[in-house]
Structure formats: structure tokens, C-alpha cells
Protein backbone atom coordinates (compact mmCIF):
# COMPACT_ATOMS: atom_id res chain seq x y z
CA MET A 1 7.10 45.46 -68.94
CA SER A 2 6.93 47.03 -65.46
CA GLU A 3 7.72 50.73 -65.15
CA ALA A 4 11.34 51.28 -64.16
CA ALA A 5 12.12 53.57 -61.27
CA GLN A 6 13.86 56.78 -62.29
CA THR A 7 16.91 57.81 -60.30
CA LEU A 8 18.94 60.89 -59.50
CA GLU A 9 22.69 60.41 -59.26
CA GLY A 10 25.28 62.40 -57.35
CA TRP A 11 28.90 61.73 -56.46
CA TYR A 12 30.65 58.50 -57.42
CA CYS A 13 31.72 56.26 -54.58
CA LEU A 14 34.56 53.81 -53.90
CA HIS A 15 34.70 51.54 -50.86
CA ASP A 16 38.29 50.28 -50.66
CA PHE A 17 38.91 47.51 -48.10
CA ARG A 18 42.50 46.47 -47.34
CA LYS A 19 44.39 44.07 -45.13
CA ILE A 20 47.77 45.06 -43.72
CA ASP A 21 50.81 42.81 -44.09
CA TRP A 22 51.87 43.29 -40.49
CA VAL A 23 54.87 40.94 -40.82
CA ALA A 24 56.34 43.01 -43.68
CA TRP A 25 55.38 46.26 -41.92
CA LYS A 26 57.27 45.25 -38.76
CA ALA A 27 60.29 44.14 -40.80
CA ILE A 28 61.16 47.64 -42.00
CA SER A 29 62.97 50.21 -39.87
CA GLY A 30 61.23 52.65 -37.58
CA ASN A 31 62.36 55.56 -39.77
CA GLU A 32 60.85 53.92 -42.85
CA ARG A 33 57.57 53.34 -41.04
CA GLU A 34 57.53 56.93 -39.82
CA ALA A 35 58.09 58.25 -43.36
CA ALA A 36 55.35 56.00 -44.75
CA ILE A 37 52.90 57.13 -42.06
CA LYS A 38 53.74 60.78 -42.70
CA GLU A 39 53.12 60.32 -46.42
CA PHE A 40 49.78 58.60 -45.77
CA THR A 41 48.55 61.20 -43.27
CA ALA A 42 49.43 63.89 -45.83
CA PHE A 43 46.98 62.14 -48.18
CA LEU A 44 44.29 62.28 -45.51
CA GLU A 45 45.00 65.94 -44.85
CA LYS A 46 44.69 66.67 -48.57
CA TRP A 47 41.31 64.90 -48.65
CA GLU A 48 40.17 67.01 -45.71
CA GLY A 49 40.88 70.08 -47.86
CA VAL A 50 38.79 68.64 -50.68
CA GLU A 51 35.96 68.06 -48.22
CA ALA A 52 36.24 71.61 -46.85
CA ARG A 53 35.80 72.91 -50.42
CA LYS A 54 32.74 70.63 -50.82
CA GLU A 55 34.37 68.88 -53.78
CA GLY A 56 34.09 65.38 -52.29
CA SER A 57 34.14 63.50 -49.01
CA HIS A 58 35.83 60.54 -47.35
CA ALA A 59 35.65 58.20 -44.37
CA PHE A 60 38.37 56.06 -42.80
CA TYR A 61 37.53 53.15 -40.48
CA SER A 62 39.33 50.22 -38.87
CA ILE A 63 37.36 47.07 -39.69
CA VAL A 64 36.56 44.56 -36.93
CA GLY A 65 37.02 40.90 -37.89
CA GLN A 66 39.10 39.05 -40.47
CA LYS A 67 37.50 40.37 -43.66
CA ALA A 68 39.74 43.46 -43.74
CA ASP A 69 41.86 45.71 -41.52
CA PHE A 70 40.58 49.08 -42.74
CA MET A 71 38.15 50.73 -45.13
CA LEU A 72 38.55 53.93 -47.10
CA MET A 73 35.27 55.32 -48.45
CA LEU A 74 35.68 58.04 -51.05
CA LEU A 75 33.11 60.28 -52.77
CA ARG A 76 34.10 62.32 -55.82
CA PRO A 77 32.34 63.99 -58.77
CA THR A 78 33.66 61.58 -61.44
CA LEU A 79 34.93 58.03 -61.89
CA GLU A 80 38.17 59.53 -63.16
CA ASP A 81 38.61 61.30 -59.82
CA LEU A 82 38.15 58.02 -57.93
CA ASN A 83 40.56 56.19 -60.22
CA GLU A 84 43.17 58.93 -59.81
CA ILE A 85 42.94 58.73 -56.01
CA GLU A 86 43.12 54.94 -56.04
CA ASN A 87 46.19 54.96 -58.28
CA ALA A 88 47.88 57.68 -56.22
CA PHE A 89 47.30 55.75 -53.00
CA ASN A 90 48.62 52.52 -54.57
CA LYS A 91 51.88 54.33 -55.34
CA THR A 92 52.48 55.31 -51.70
CA THR A 93 54.93 53.46 -49.49
CA PHE A 94 52.23 52.44 -47.02
CA ALA A 95 50.12 50.86 -49.79
CA GLN A 96 52.99 48.45 -50.49
CA PHE A 97 52.18 46.86 -47.13
CA THR A 98 48.45 46.50 -47.84
CA ILE A 99 46.59 43.67 -49.54
CA PRO A 100 43.31 44.38 -51.38
CA ALA A 101 40.50 42.57 -49.54
CA TYR A 102 37.36 43.91 -51.25
CA SER A 103 36.17 46.94 -53.18
CA TYR A 104 32.85 48.37 -54.24
CA VAL A 105 32.15 50.93 -56.98
CA SER A 106 28.85 52.80 -57.03
CA VAL A 107 27.21 56.23 -57.22
CA VAL A 108 25.06 58.07 -54.66
CA GLU A 109 21.45 57.49 -55.70
CA LEU A 110 17.93 58.74 -54.98
CA SER A 111 14.93 57.02 -56.57
CA ASN A 112 11.55 58.41 -57.62
CA TYR A 113 9.54 55.97 -55.51
CA ASN A 114 8.57 58.88 -53.25
CA PRO A 115 9.31 61.97 -55.36
CA SER A 116 8.48 65.60 -54.70
CA ASN A 117 6.95 67.28 -57.71
CA THR A 118 7.28 70.79 -56.29
CA VAL A 119 11.04 71.26 -56.44
CA ASP A 120 13.78 71.24 -59.05
CA PRO A 121 16.33 68.61 -57.90
CA GLU A 122 19.12 70.51 -59.64
CA THR A 123 18.61 73.61 -57.51
CA ASP A 124 17.07 72.25 -54.31
CA PRO A 125 19.79 72.38 -51.61
CA MET A 126 18.30 69.50 -49.60
CA ILE A 127 18.33 67.12 -52.57
CA GLN A 128 21.79 68.25 -53.65
CA GLY A 129 23.00 67.70 -50.09
CA ARG A 130 21.77 64.11 -50.25
CA LEU A 131 23.34 63.51 -53.66
CA LYS A 132 26.67 65.11 -52.69
CA PRO A 133 26.86 64.39 -48.96
CA GLU A 134 29.60 65.11 -46.47
CA LEU A 135 30.14 61.76 -44.79
CA PRO A 136 29.55 61.99 -41.03
CA LYS A 137 32.57 61.51 -38.80
CA TRP A 138 30.67 59.24 -36.45
CA LYS A 139 32.27 56.52 -34.33
CA TYR A 140 31.07 53.43 -36.22
CA VAL A 141 30.38 52.31 -39.78
CA CYS A 142 28.49 49.38 -41.30
CA PHE A 143 28.62 48.56 -45.01
CA TYR A 144 26.82 45.86 -46.97
CA PRO A 145 25.78 45.30 -50.60
CA MET A 146 22.29 44.14 -51.52
CA ASP A 147 20.01 43.09 -54.38
CA LYS A 148 16.28 42.92 -54.95
CA ARG A 149 15.22 39.29 -55.45
CA ARG A 150 14.27 38.10 -58.94
CA GLU A 151 12.97 34.58 -58.33
CA GLY A 152 9.58 33.13 -59.34
CA ASN A 153 6.72 34.95 -57.62
CA ASP A 154 9.22 36.98 -55.57
CA ASN A 155 10.46 39.10 -58.47
CA TRP A 156 10.70 42.72 -57.43
CA TYR A 157 11.14 43.90 -61.01
CA MET A 158 7.84 42.38 -62.14
CA LEU A 159 5.76 44.23 -59.54
CA PRO A 160 3.64 47.24 -60.64
CA MET A 161 5.15 50.63 -59.85
CA GLU A 162 2.35 51.57 -57.43
CA GLU A 163 2.90 48.41 -55.40
CA ARG A 164 6.64 49.06 -55.21
CA LYS A 165 6.03 52.69 -54.18
CA LYS A 166 3.74 51.60 -51.37
CA MET A 167 6.26 49.09 -50.01
CA MET A 168 9.20 51.48 -50.34
CA TYR A 169 7.27 54.13 -48.40
CA SER A 170 6.70 51.67 -45.54
CA HIS A 171 10.36 50.61 -45.71
CA GLY A 172 11.53 54.22 -45.63
CA MET A 173 9.44 55.01 -42.56
CA ILE A 174 11.44 52.46 -40.58
CA GLY A 175 14.65 54.20 -41.59
CA ARG A 176 13.25 57.60 -40.65
CA SER A 177 12.48 56.34 -37.15
CA TYR A 178 16.27 56.07 -36.64
CA ALA A 179 16.93 59.70 -37.61
CA GLY A 180 19.69 61.12 -35.43
CA LYS A 181 20.83 57.62 -34.49
CA VAL A 182 21.84 56.24 -37.89
CA LYS A 183 22.93 58.10 -41.03
CA GLN A 184 22.36 56.10 -44.21
CA ILE A 185 24.05 56.58 -47.59
CA ILE A 186 22.54 54.55 -50.45
CA THR A 187 24.70 54.09 -53.54
CA GLY A 188 23.54 52.46 -56.77
CA SER A 189 25.80 49.94 -58.45
CA VAL A 190 23.75 48.39 -61.28
CA GLY A 191 26.26 48.09 -64.12
CA PHE A 192 29.12 49.11 -61.81
CA ASP A 193 29.60 46.17 -59.45
CA ASP A 194 28.34 42.68 -58.59
CA TRP A 195 25.40 43.85 -56.46
CA GLU A 196 22.69 46.41 -57.18
CA TRP A 197 23.13 48.73 -54.20
CA GLY A 198 25.62 49.49 -51.49
CA VAL A 199 24.34 50.56 -48.09
CA THR A 200 26.63 52.48 -45.75
CA LEU A 201 25.41 53.21 -42.23
CA PHE A 202 27.05 55.53 -39.69
CA ALA A 203 26.25 55.68 -35.97
CA ASN A 204 27.69 56.70 -32.61
CA ASP A 205 26.16 53.58 -31.04
CA ALA A 206 27.02 50.39 -32.95
CA LEU A 207 23.98 48.57 -31.54
CA GLN A 208 21.77 50.81 -33.68
CA PHE A 209 23.02 48.92 -36.76
CA LYS A 210 21.71 45.66 -35.34
CA LYS A 211 18.41 47.18 -34.28
CA LEU A 212 17.78 48.91 -37.63
CA VAL A 213 18.71 45.97 -39.86
CA TYR A 214 16.79 43.54 -37.66
CA GLU A 215 13.63 45.66 -37.69
CA MET A 216 13.84 46.08 -41.46
CA ARG A 217 14.06 42.30 -41.91
CA PHE A 218 10.39 42.11 -40.86
CA ASP A 219 9.36 44.61 -43.54
CA GLU A 220 8.18 42.97 -46.78
CA VAL A 221 10.74 44.80 -48.93
CA SER A 222 13.54 43.00 -47.04
CA ALA A 223 11.74 39.86 -45.84
CA ARG A 224 10.47 38.90 -49.27
CA TYR A 225 12.59 40.76 -51.79
CA GLY A 226 15.94 41.51 -50.12
CA GLU A 227 19.22 39.67 -50.80
CA PHE A 228 22.24 40.73 -48.75
CA GLY A 229 25.98 40.36 -49.14
CA SER A 230 28.70 40.42 -46.50
CA PHE A 231 28.57 42.97 -43.68
CA TYR A 232 31.62 45.04 -42.73
CA VAL A 233 31.64 46.89 -39.39
CA GLY A 234 34.33 49.19 -38.09
CA ASN A 235 35.55 51.95 -35.78
CA GLN A 236 36.45 55.46 -36.89
CA LEU A 237 40.10 56.27 -37.54
CA THR A 238 40.94 59.98 -37.44
CA ARG A 239 44.07 61.31 -39.09
CA GLU A 240 45.53 61.96 -35.64
CA ALA A 241 44.92 58.33 -34.65
CA VAL A 242 46.77 56.82 -37.64
CA PRO A 243 50.28 56.76 -36.07
CA GLY A 244 48.94 54.90 -33.04
CA TYR A 245 46.98 52.48 -35.23
CA LEU A 246 50.07 51.64 -37.27
CA HIS A 247 52.50 51.54 -34.33
CA VAL A 248 54.30 48.20 -33.87
């Protein structure tokens, strides 16, 4: 049996993708829409308070294309916290005009492929900042789920640990070359969802998503062992922009 990678876990994560029933939304009165928008923006304002207290984080983006209309990404300390938020949102007036399109449940994860043996992860502020991140409020987001291939001679999980470490180091160096251009949040979902990892990328230049993912495709970790799900790309929605976004 190959040696399993050990992982550190941080905050739990929910990606909630919704479509909006625009026909039903336009059918209600302007006063009803205004009240629904006010209720929803109050939710966002409450989440901003949670983020200010460093008890969680969130991101809100309008999705481009037909897969969804918007994405809410939520980070919280427990699964119960995520479930409570999801249920509370579903009880709002605005949620009655949304249709679930896709969701992803995971937890922020760091692996021991390139560990540091000189620090205690429980007290090191840099590691804790990566496990419990404040999501950047950058202009664009890209989310996709992925697996490591398990087929014939291309079985990631049958490779020796040292070989996997070497490849993951090379893979990570590509990501580091985009520091300042792309912020990456890796969340583990083995046992939580249909894929093994969720990858969320943030950037102020959407073309950096294309450049990063394309370059990584030539690295052996992706070229030989990577399996990818659907990609979701979107534009940031601030709380102040919500009334304009929902105006009809």
C-alpha cells in the first residue's frame, strides 16, 4: 500500500450556485422586489461582520454562461455553520426566486507533500491564515472540481510518496509563478462530494485563469493524472451592486 498524504484542515466550504427565475421575479411588484433585495443585502452585511471578526469568509459572484446566474462561496468553522446559513438563506424571499444549479461541499486543505518540519501548524500564523483564509474581493472568480486519475498505469494513488512529492513540488512552482496575479484556494472533498478537490481561483485579470490552467496542463501532475469537472467563471458582485444586478 502506498503511503497516504497527510492533510491539515481548516474552515469548511460551501459553493452554492443558483439560477434566478427572472419571469417570476419580474411578476411581483416593485415594493416586493425592494423588500426582498433589502432582506438579502442584510444577509450580506451580516456576513461582512462575521468576516471582520475573522470567524468566516464569503464571496459573491455573477456567473457568466448558462450553468448558473450567481455563486455564493462560504467559509465557516463547522458544517453545522454552513448548514445553518444555507437553511437561513433558503427561507428568505429572494431565495424563492432562485433555482439550485450546483453545489459543492469541501474543507480548506493543505497536504504534507511539501511540509515544513520547523513550525507548529496550530500556532504558525501563516499556516493558519491559509487554513482559515479571508477570501479576496478580486474582480473575477474561477471554480472547478478535480480528481487524480486512477486508471491502469496512470494511477496516482499507486505511486510512491517520494515520486508524488517531486511532481507536486514542480506543480506548485507553476502556481507560485502567478503570485500576485491569481489567488488559489484548494478545498478537499474526499468523502464530502463527488470529486476529490475543489479549486477556486481569484484574479483581477480573467485571462490569468486561462494562462495558469493552460500552463499547468503541460505539467505531468495534470497532463497524466488530472481529471477535471465543469468550470464556472464569474464577475464580482458587491453588496452595493446587488440592487442594480436584480433590477428589472
